[in-house]
Amino acid sequence: MSTRRPASVPTRPPTMPVRLLDRHDASHFARSERCVLCGSTTPLRSHDGEPVHKTCAESWNAEHPGEIRFVSDPLKSGKGRDHA
């Protein structure tokens, strides 16, 4: 029998649009630990080393627009988003 807890489901949608995070650096991966937001396991890490799913961090950012807790990786020089 499994003692696994179901992942928490947000009770309401975020009030602001969700801004997607860029996570390309290898420092965002480590041994699996419980996500600080939903409680299920994840190998992902925030910039401060907190275990957190990317989607959980994006939802948290949308729900807390004035706070800076989860941030994106900076763009590498010469690498923009324009593919043209």
PDB file of N, CA and C in Angstrom:
ATOM      1  N   MET A   1       0.845  -1.174   0.000  1.00  0.00           N
ATOM      2  CA  MET A   1       0.000   0.000   0.000  1.00  0.00           C
ATOM      3  C   MET A   1       0.891   1.238   0.000  1.00  0.00           C
ATOM      4  N   SER A   2       0.562   2.198  -0.796  1.00  0.00           N
ATOM      5  CA  SER A   2       1.351   3.414  -0.928  1.00  0.00           C
ATOM      6  C   SER A   2       0.904   4.467   0.078  1.00  0.00           C
ATOM      7  N   THR A   3       1.888   5.180   0.653  1.00  0.00           N
ATOM      8  CA  THR A   3       1.573   6.266   1.581  1.00  0.00           C
ATOM      9  C   THR A   3       1.743   7.619   0.897  1.00  0.00           C
ATOM     10  N   ARG A   4       1.772   7.601  -0.393  1.00  0.00           N
ATOM     11  CA  ARG A   4       1.982   8.814  -1.182  1.00  0.00           C
ATOM     12  C   ARG A   4       0.789   9.755  -1.052  1.00  0.00           C
ATOM     13  N   ARG A   5       1.094  11.033  -0.797  1.00  0.00           N
ATOM     14  CA  ARG A   5       0.042  12.039  -0.716  1.00  0.00           C
ATOM     15  C   ARG A   5      -0.249  12.581  -2.103  1.00  0.00           C
ATOM     16  N   PRO A   6      -1.513  12.850  -2.405  1.00  0.00           N
ATOM     17  CA  PRO A   6      -1.821  13.449  -3.709  1.00  0.00           C
ATOM     18  C   PRO A   6      -1.279  14.882  -3.765  1.00  0.00           C
ATOM     19  N   ALA A   7      -0.862  15.283  -4.942  1.00  0.00           N
ATOM     20  CA  ALA A   7      -0.380  16.653  -5.126  1.00  0.00           C
ATOM     21  C   ALA A   7      -1.525  17.624  -4.881  1.00  0.00           C
ATOM     22  N   SER A   8      -1.202  18.724  -4.219  1.00  0.00           N
ATOM     23  CA  SER A   8      -2.255  19.696  -3.944  1.00  0.00           C
ATOM     24  C   SER A   8      -2.684  20.382  -5.228  1.00  0.00           C
ATOM     25  N   VAL A   9      -3.958  20.620  -5.330  1.00  0.00           N
ATOM     26  CA  VAL A   9      -4.527  21.268  -6.501  1.00  0.00           C
ATOM     27  C   VAL A   9      -4.849  22.704  -6.118  1.00  0.00           C
ATOM     28  N   PRO A  10      -4.422  23.684  -6.924  1.00  0.00           N
ATOM     29  CA  PRO A  10      -4.741  25.066  -6.588  1.00  0.00           C
ATOM     30  C   PRO A  10      -6.248  25.242  -6.442  1.00  0.00           C
ATOM     31  N   THR A  11      -6.649  25.999  -5.419  1.00  0.00           N
ATOM     32  CA  THR A  11      -8.069  26.198  -5.167  1.00  0.00           C
ATOM     33  C   THR A  11      -8.673  27.241  -6.093  1.00  0.00           C
ATOM     34  N   ARG A  12      -7.839  28.147  -6.598  1.00  0.00           N
ATOM     35  CA  ARG A  12      -8.331  29.166  -7.528  1.00  0.00           C
ATOM     36  C   ARG A  12      -7.229  29.483  -8.525  1.00  0.00           C
ATOM     37  N   PRO A  13      -7.603  29.895  -9.722  1.00  0.00           N
ATOM     38  CA  PRO A  13      -6.583  30.247 -10.705  1.00  0.00           C
ATOM     39  C   PRO A  13      -5.865  31.529 -10.296  1.00  0.00           C
ATOM     40  N   PRO A  14      -4.610  31.711 -10.741  1.00  0.00           N
ATOM     41  CA  PRO A  14      -3.898  32.938 -10.411  1.00  0.00           C
ATOM     42  C   PRO A  14      -4.633  34.158 -10.949  1.00  0.00           C
ATOM     43  N   THR A  15      -4.513  35.273 -10.231  1.00  0.00           N
ATOM     44  CA  THR A  15      -5.200  36.492 -10.644  1.00  0.00           C
ATOM     45  C   THR A  15      -4.466  37.207 -11.772  1.00  0.00           C
ATOM     46  N   MET A  16      -3.180  36.929 -11.935  1.00  0.00           N
ATOM     47  CA  MET A  16      -2.384  37.546 -12.996  1.00  0.00           C
ATOM     48  C   MET A  16      -1.904  36.449 -13.943  1.00  0.00           C
ATOM     49  N   PRO A  17      -1.531  36.800 -15.168  1.00  0.00           N
ATOM     50  CA  PRO A  17      -1.006  35.789 -16.085  1.00  0.00           C
ATOM     51  C   PRO A  17       0.281  35.172 -15.530  1.00  0.00           C
ATOM     52  N   VAL A  18       0.474  33.897 -15.790  1.00  0.00           N
ATOM     53  CA  VAL A  18       1.657  33.191 -15.319  1.00  0.00           C
ATOM     54  C   VAL A  18       2.826  33.500 -16.250  1.00  0.00           C
ATOM     55  N   ARG A  19       3.928  34.008 -15.689  1.00  0.00           N
ATOM     56  CA  ARG A  19       5.132  34.269 -16.462  1.00  0.00           C
ATOM     57  C   ARG A  19       6.030  33.044 -16.347  1.00  0.00           C
ATOM     58  N   LEU A  20       6.369  32.440 -17.484  1.00  0.00           N
ATOM     59  CA  LEU A  20       7.167  31.232 -17.482  1.00  0.00           C
ATOM     60  C   LEU A  20       8.616  31.531 -17.108  1.00  0.00           C
ATOM     61  N   LEU A  21       9.215  30.625 -16.338  1.00  0.00           N
ATOM     62  CA  LEU A  21      10.598  30.776 -15.914  1.00  0.00           C
ATOM     63  C   LEU A  21      11.531  30.041 -16.872  1.00  0.00           C
ATOM     64  N   ASP A  22      12.692  30.619 -17.129  1.00  0.00           N
ATOM     65  CA  ASP A  22      13.740  29.942 -17.901  1.00  0.00           C
ATOM     66  C   ASP A  22      14.680  29.285 -16.910  1.00  0.00           C
ATOM     67  N   ARG A  23      14.861  27.982 -17.040  1.00  0.00           N
ATOM     68  CA  ARG A  23      15.763  27.239 -16.159  1.00  0.00           C
ATOM     69  C   ARG A  23      16.651  26.356 -17.024  1.00  0.00           C
ATOM     70  N   HIS A  24      17.829  26.859 -17.387  1.00  0.00           N
ATOM     71  CA  HIS A  24      18.722  26.100 -18.252  1.00  0.00           C
ATOM     72  C   HIS A  24      19.978  25.618 -17.548  1.00  0.00           C
ATOM     73  N   ASP A  25      20.336  26.225 -16.439  1.00  0.00           N
ATOM     74  CA  ASP A  25      21.578  25.916 -15.754  1.00  0.00           C
ATOM     75  C   ASP A  25      21.450  24.601 -14.975  1.00  0.00           C
ATOM     76  N   ALA A  26      22.529  23.827 -14.944  1.00  0.00           N
ATOM     77  CA  ALA A  26      22.528  22.539 -14.247  1.00  0.00           C
ATOM     78  C   ALA A  26      22.365  22.689 -12.739  1.00  0.00           C
ATOM     79  N   SER A  27      22.590  23.881 -12.195  1.00  0.00           N
ATOM     80  CA  SER A  27      22.443  24.086 -10.751  1.00  0.00           C
ATOM     81  C   SER A  27      20.991  23.960 -10.287  1.00  0.00           C
ATOM     82  N   HIS A  28      20.062  23.892 -11.223  1.00  0.00           N
ATOM     83  CA  HIS A  28      18.646  23.748 -10.871  1.00  0.00           C
ATOM     84  C   HIS A  28      18.240  22.296 -10.670  1.00  0.00           C
ATOM     85  N   PHE A  29      19.201  21.380 -10.684  1.00  0.00           N
ATOM     86  CA  PHE A  29      18.907  19.957 -10.517  1.00  0.00           C
ATOM     87  C   PHE A  29      19.758  19.382  -9.394  1.00  0.00           C
ATOM     88  N   ALA A  30      19.137  18.563  -8.548  1.00  0.00           N
ATOM     89  CA  ALA A  30      19.820  17.903  -7.441  1.00  0.00           C
ATOM     90  C   ALA A  30      19.027  16.644  -7.094  1.00  0.00           C
ATOM     91  N   ARG A  31      19.383  16.027  -5.993  1.00  0.00           N
ATOM     92  CA  ARG A  31      18.661  14.820  -5.573  1.00  0.00           C
ATOM     93  C   ARG A  31      17.236  15.199  -5.206  1.00  0.00           C
ATOM     94  N   SER A  32      16.311  14.305  -5.452  1.00  0.00           N
ATOM     95  CA  SER A  32      14.888  14.591  -5.231  1.00  0.00           C
ATOM     96  C   SER A  32      14.587  14.866  -3.765  1.00  0.00           C
ATOM     97  N   GLU A  33      13.832  15.929  -3.551  1.00  0.00           N
ATOM     98  CA  GLU A  33      13.324  16.302  -2.229  1.00  0.00           C
ATOM     99  C   GLU A  33      11.896  16.791  -2.408  1.00  0.00           C
ATOM    100  N   ARG A  34      11.213  17.005  -1.300  1.00  0.00           N
ATOM    101  CA  ARG A  34       9.828  17.483  -1.369  1.00  0.00           C
ATOM    102  C   ARG A  34       9.781  18.954  -1.767  1.00  0.00           C
ATOM    103  N   CYS A  35       8.888  19.250  -2.714  1.00  0.00           N
ATOM    104  CA  CYS A  35       8.662  20.626  -3.168  1.00  0.00           C
ATOM    105  C   CYS A  35       8.162  21.465  -1.986  1.00  0.00           C
ATOM    106  N   VAL A  36       8.729  22.657  -1.807  1.00  0.00           N
ATOM    107  CA  VAL A  36       8.331  23.523  -0.694  1.00  0.00           C
ATOM    108  C   VAL A  36       6.906  24.053  -0.852  1.00  0.00           C
ATOM    109  N   LEU A  37       6.336  23.931  -2.048  1.00  0.00           N
ATOM    110  CA  LEU A  37       4.992  24.454  -2.286  1.00  0.00           C
ATOM    111  C   LEU A  37       3.911  23.387  -2.317  1.00  0.00           C
ATOM    112  N   CYS A  38       4.161  22.263  -2.995  1.00  0.00           N
ATOM    113  CA  CYS A  38       3.090  21.254  -3.115  1.00  0.00           C
ATOM    114  C   CYS A  38       3.350  19.982  -2.309  1.00  0.00           C
ATOM    115  N   GLY A  39       4.582  19.740  -1.920  1.00  0.00           N
ATOM    116  CA  GLY A  39       4.877  18.578  -1.083  1.00  0.00           C
ATOM    117  C   GLY A  39       5.275  17.315  -1.808  1.00  0.00           C
ATOM    118  N   SER A  40       5.098  17.229  -3.130  1.00  0.00           N
ATOM    119  CA  SER A  40       5.536  16.029  -3.845  1.00  0.00           C
ATOM    120  C   SER A  40       7.013  16.188  -4.214  1.00  0.00           C
ATOM    121  N   THR A  41       7.669  15.087  -4.533  1.00  0.00           N
ATOM    122  CA  THR A  41       9.115  15.130  -4.760  1.00  0.00           C
ATOM    123  C   THR A  41       9.471  15.729  -6.114  1.00  0.00           C
ATOM    124  N   THR A  42      10.632  16.389  -6.138  1.00  0.00           N
ATOM    125  CA  THR A  42      11.139  17.006  -7.357  1.00  0.00           C
ATOM    126  C   THR A  42      12.658  17.102  -7.294  1.00  0.00           C
ATOM    127  N   PRO A  43      13.340  16.912  -8.428  1.00  0.00           N
ATOM    128  CA  PRO A  43      14.785  17.132  -8.458  1.00  0.00           C
ATOM    129  C   PRO A  43      15.132  18.587  -8.771  1.00  0.00           C
ATOM    130  N   LEU A  44      14.128  19.414  -9.034  1.00  0.00           N
ATOM    131  CA  LEU A  44      14.362  20.799  -9.443  1.00  0.00           C
ATOM    132  C   LEU A  44      14.637  21.697  -8.244  1.00  0.00           C
ATOM    133  N   ARG A  45      15.452  22.746  -8.471  1.00  0.00           N
ATOM    134  CA  ARG A  45      15.810  23.700  -7.425  1.00  0.00           C
ATOM    135  C   ARG A  45      15.621  25.130  -7.911  1.00  0.00           C
ATOM    136  N   SER A  46      15.309  26.013  -6.971  1.00  0.00           N
ATOM    137  CA  SER A  46      15.248  27.444  -7.270  1.00  0.00           C
ATOM    138  C   SER A  46      16.674  27.989  -7.235  1.00  0.00           C
ATOM    139  N   HIS A  47      16.839  29.276  -7.510  1.00  0.00           N
ATOM    140  CA  HIS A  47      18.160  29.891  -7.444  1.00  0.00           C
ATOM    141  C   HIS A  47      18.718  29.869  -6.025  1.00  0.00           C
ATOM    142  N   ASP A  48      17.847  29.834  -5.031  1.00  0.00           N
ATOM    143  CA  ASP A  48      18.285  29.777  -3.637  1.00  0.00           C
ATOM    144  C   ASP A  48      18.418  28.347  -3.121  1.00  0.00           C
ATOM    145  N   GLY A  49      18.247  27.363  -4.007  1.00  0.00           N
ATOM    146  CA  GLY A  49      18.409  25.965  -3.628  1.00  0.00           C
ATOM    147  C   GLY A  49      17.171  25.313  -3.042  1.00  0.00           C
ATOM    148  N   GLU A  50      16.033  26.003  -3.059  1.00  0.00           N
ATOM    149  CA  GLU A  50      14.796  25.406  -2.560  1.00  0.00           C
ATOM    150  C   GLU A  50      14.295  24.352  -3.536  1.00  0.00           C
ATOM    151  N   PRO A  51      13.894  23.166  -3.053  1.00  0.00           N
ATOM    152  CA  PRO A  51      13.278  22.195  -3.956  1.00  0.00           C
ATOM    153  C   PRO A  51      11.886  22.689  -4.343  1.00  0.00           C
ATOM    154  N   VAL A  52      11.670  22.916  -5.649  1.00  0.00           N
ATOM    155  CA  VAL A  52      10.388  23.440  -6.113  1.00  0.00           C
ATOM    156  C   VAL A  52      10.196  23.095  -7.587  1.00  0.00           C
ATOM    157  N   HIS A  53       9.001  22.628  -7.931  1.00  0.00           N
ATOM    158  CA  HIS A  53       8.671  22.383  -9.335  1.00  0.00           C
ATOM    159  C   HIS A  53       8.631  23.712 -10.079  1.00  0.00           C
ATOM    160  N   LYS A  54       8.980  23.687 -11.351  1.00  0.00           N
ATOM    161  CA  LYS A  54       8.946  24.897 -12.171  1.00  0.00           C
ATOM    162  C   LYS A  54       7.523  25.453 -12.222  1.00  0.00           C
ATOM    163  N   THR A  55       6.536  24.603 -12.414  1.00  0.00           N
ATOM    164  CA  THR A  55       5.148  25.057 -12.493  1.00  0.00           C
ATOM    165  C   THR A  55       4.647  25.597 -11.155  1.00  0.00           C
ATOM    166  N   CYS A  56       5.089  25.003 -10.049  1.00  0.00           N
ATOM    167  CA  CYS A  56       4.711  25.519  -8.728  1.00  0.00           C
ATOM    168  C   CYS A  56       5.293  26.916  -8.537  1.00  0.00           C
ATOM    169  N   ALA A  57       6.549  27.110  -8.932  1.00  0.00           N
ATOM    170  CA  ALA A  57       7.200  28.417  -8.800  1.00  0.00           C
ATOM    171  C   ALA A  57       6.512  29.458  -9.676  1.00  0.00           C
ATOM    172  N   GLU A  58       6.148  29.072 -10.895  1.00  0.00           N
ATOM    173  CA  GLU A  58       5.464  30.005 -11.796  1.00  0.00           C
ATOM    174  C   GLU A  58       4.101  30.412 -11.234  1.00  0.00           C
ATOM    175  N   SER A  59       3.370  29.472 -10.678  1.00  0.00           N
ATOM    176  CA  SER A  59       2.066  29.779 -10.074  1.00  0.00           C
ATOM    177  C   SER A  59       2.239  30.671  -8.850  1.00  0.00           C
ATOM    178  N   TRP A  60       3.247  30.385  -8.028  1.00  0.00           N
ATOM    179  CA  TRP A  60       3.500  31.203  -6.843  1.00  0.00           C
ATOM    180  C   TRP A  60       3.818  32.638  -7.254  1.00  0.00           C
ATOM    181  N   ASN A  61       4.658  32.809  -8.287  1.00  0.00           N
ATOM    182  CA  ASN A  61       4.993  34.150  -8.771  1.00  0.00           C
ATOM    183  C   ASN A  61       3.748  34.898  -9.221  1.00  0.00           C
ATOM    184  N   ALA A  62       2.833  34.209  -9.898  1.00  0.00           N
ATOM    185  CA  ALA A  62       1.607  34.852 -10.381  1.00  0.00           C
ATOM    186  C   ALA A  62       0.705  35.268  -9.221  1.00  0.00           C
ATOM    187  N   GLU A  63       0.702  34.485  -8.150  1.00  0.00           N
ATOM    188  CA  GLU A  63      -0.144  34.781  -7.000  1.00  0.00           C
ATOM    189  C   GLU A  63       0.469  35.822  -6.061  1.00  0.00           C
ATOM    190  N   HIS A  64       1.787  36.078  -6.196  1.00  0.00           N
ATOM    191  CA  HIS A  64       2.500  37.031  -5.339  1.00  0.00           C
ATOM    192  C   HIS A  64       3.285  38.002  -6.220  1.00  0.00           C
ATOM    193  N   PRO A  65       2.601  38.865  -6.979  1.00  0.00           N
ATOM    194  CA  PRO A  65       3.261  39.700  -7.981  1.00  0.00           C
ATOM    195  C   PRO A  65       4.281  40.694  -7.437  1.00  0.00           C
ATOM    196  N   GLY A  66       4.168  41.129  -6.202  1.00  0.00           N
ATOM    197  CA  GLY A  66       5.096  42.113  -5.664  1.00  0.00           C
ATOM    198  C   GLY A  66       6.323  41.520  -4.999  1.00  0.00           C
ATOM    199  N   GLU A  67       6.408  40.197  -4.914  1.00  0.00           N
ATOM    200  CA  GLU A  67       7.502  39.536  -4.207  1.00  0.00           C
ATOM    201  C   GLU A  67       8.446  38.846  -5.184  1.00  0.00           C
ATOM    202  N   ILE A  68       9.718  38.814  -4.841  1.00  0.00           N
ATOM    203  CA  ILE A  68      10.715  38.139  -5.678  1.00  0.00           C
ATOM    204  C   ILE A  68      11.237  36.939  -4.906  1.00  0.00           C
ATOM    205  N   ARG A  69      10.781  35.750  -5.297  1.00  0.00           N
ATOM    206  CA  ARG A  69      11.244  34.513  -4.665  1.00  0.00           C
ATOM    207  C   ARG A  69      11.820  33.571  -5.706  1.00  0.00           C
ATOM    208  N   PHE A  70      11.147  33.429  -6.827  1.00  0.00           N
ATOM    209  CA  PHE A  70      11.593  32.528  -7.889  1.00  0.00           C
ATOM    210  C   PHE A  70      11.867  33.359  -9.134  1.00  0.00           C
ATOM    211  N   VAL A  71      13.078  33.263  -9.678  1.00  0.00           N
ATOM    212  CA  VAL A  71      13.481  34.076 -10.825  1.00  0.00           C
ATOM    213  C   VAL A  71      13.983  33.190 -11.958  1.00  0.00           C
ATOM    214  N   SER A  72      14.066  33.773 -13.149  1.00  0.00           N
ATOM    215  CA  SER A  72      14.568  33.067 -14.330  1.00  0.00           C
ATOM    216  C   SER A  72      16.084  33.174 -14.403  1.00  0.00           C
ATOM    217  N   ASP A  73      16.681  32.273 -15.165  1.00  0.00           N
ATOM    218  CA  ASP A  73      18.098  32.388 -15.487  1.00  0.00           C
ATOM    219  C   ASP A  73      18.284  33.600 -16.376  1.00  0.00           C
ATOM    220  N   PRO A  74      19.383  34.334 -16.216  1.00  0.00           N
ATOM    221  CA  PRO A  74      19.632  35.450 -17.133  1.00  0.00           C
ATOM    222  C   PRO A  74      19.958  34.929 -18.525  1.00  0.00           C
ATOM    223  N   LEU A  75      19.609  35.710 -19.555  1.00  0.00           N
ATOM    224  CA  LEU A  75      19.958  35.323 -20.916  1.00  0.00           C
ATOM    225  C   LEU A  75      21.467  35.358 -21.083  1.00  0.00           C
ATOM    226  N   LYS A  76      22.010  34.369 -21.764  1.00  0.00           N
ATOM    227  CA  LYS A  76      23.433  34.369 -22.050  1.00  0.00           C
ATOM    228  C   LYS A  76      23.713  35.384 -23.132  1.00  0.00           C
ATOM    229  N   SER A  77      24.869  36.029 -23.111  1.00  0.00           N
ATOM    230  CA  SER A  77      25.179  37.071 -24.084  1.00  0.00           C
ATOM    231  C   SER A  77      25.120  36.500 -25.498  1.00  0.00           C
ATOM    232  N   GLY A  78      24.461  37.248 -26.374  1.00  0.00           N
ATOM    233  CA  GLY A  78      24.327  36.839 -27.766  1.00  0.00           C
ATOM    234  C   GLY A  78      23.209  35.864 -28.027  1.00  0.00           C
ATOM    235  N   LYS A  79      22.523  35.435 -26.980  1.00  0.00           N
ATOM    236  CA  LYS A  79      21.435  34.482 -27.159  1.00  0.00           C
ATOM    237  C   LYS A  79      20.112  35.147 -26.822  1.00  0.00           C
ATOM    238  N   GLY A  80      19.441  35.613 -27.844  1.00  0.00           N
ATOM    239  CA  GLY A  80      18.138  36.214 -27.652  1.00  0.00           C
ATOM    240  C   GLY A  80      17.045  35.236 -28.013  1.00  0.00           C
ATOM    241  N   ARG A  81      15.839  35.681 -27.974  1.00  0.00           N
ATOM    242  CA  ARG A  81      14.707  34.822 -28.310  1.00  0.00           C
ATOM    243  C   ARG A  81      14.299  34.970 -29.777  1.00  0.00           C
ATOM    244  N   ASP A  82      14.925  35.866 -30.511  1.00  0.00           N
ATOM    245  CA  ASP A  82      14.581  36.094 -31.900  1.00  0.00           C
ATOM    246  C   ASP A  82      15.295  35.073 -32.782  1.00  0.00           C
ATOM    247  N   HIS A  83      14.544  34.204 -33.412  1.00  0.00           N
ATOM    248  CA  HIS A  83      15.133  33.143 -34.234  1.00  0.00           C
ATOM    249  C   HIS A  83      15.195  33.524 -35.700  1.00  0.00           C
ATOM    250  N   ALA A  84      14.787  34.708 -36.052  1.00  0.00           N
ATOM    251  CA  ALA A  84      14.758  35.117 -37.454  1.00  0.00           C
ATOM    252  C   ALA A  84      16.123  35.579 -37.914  1.00  0.00           C
TER     253      ALA A  84
END
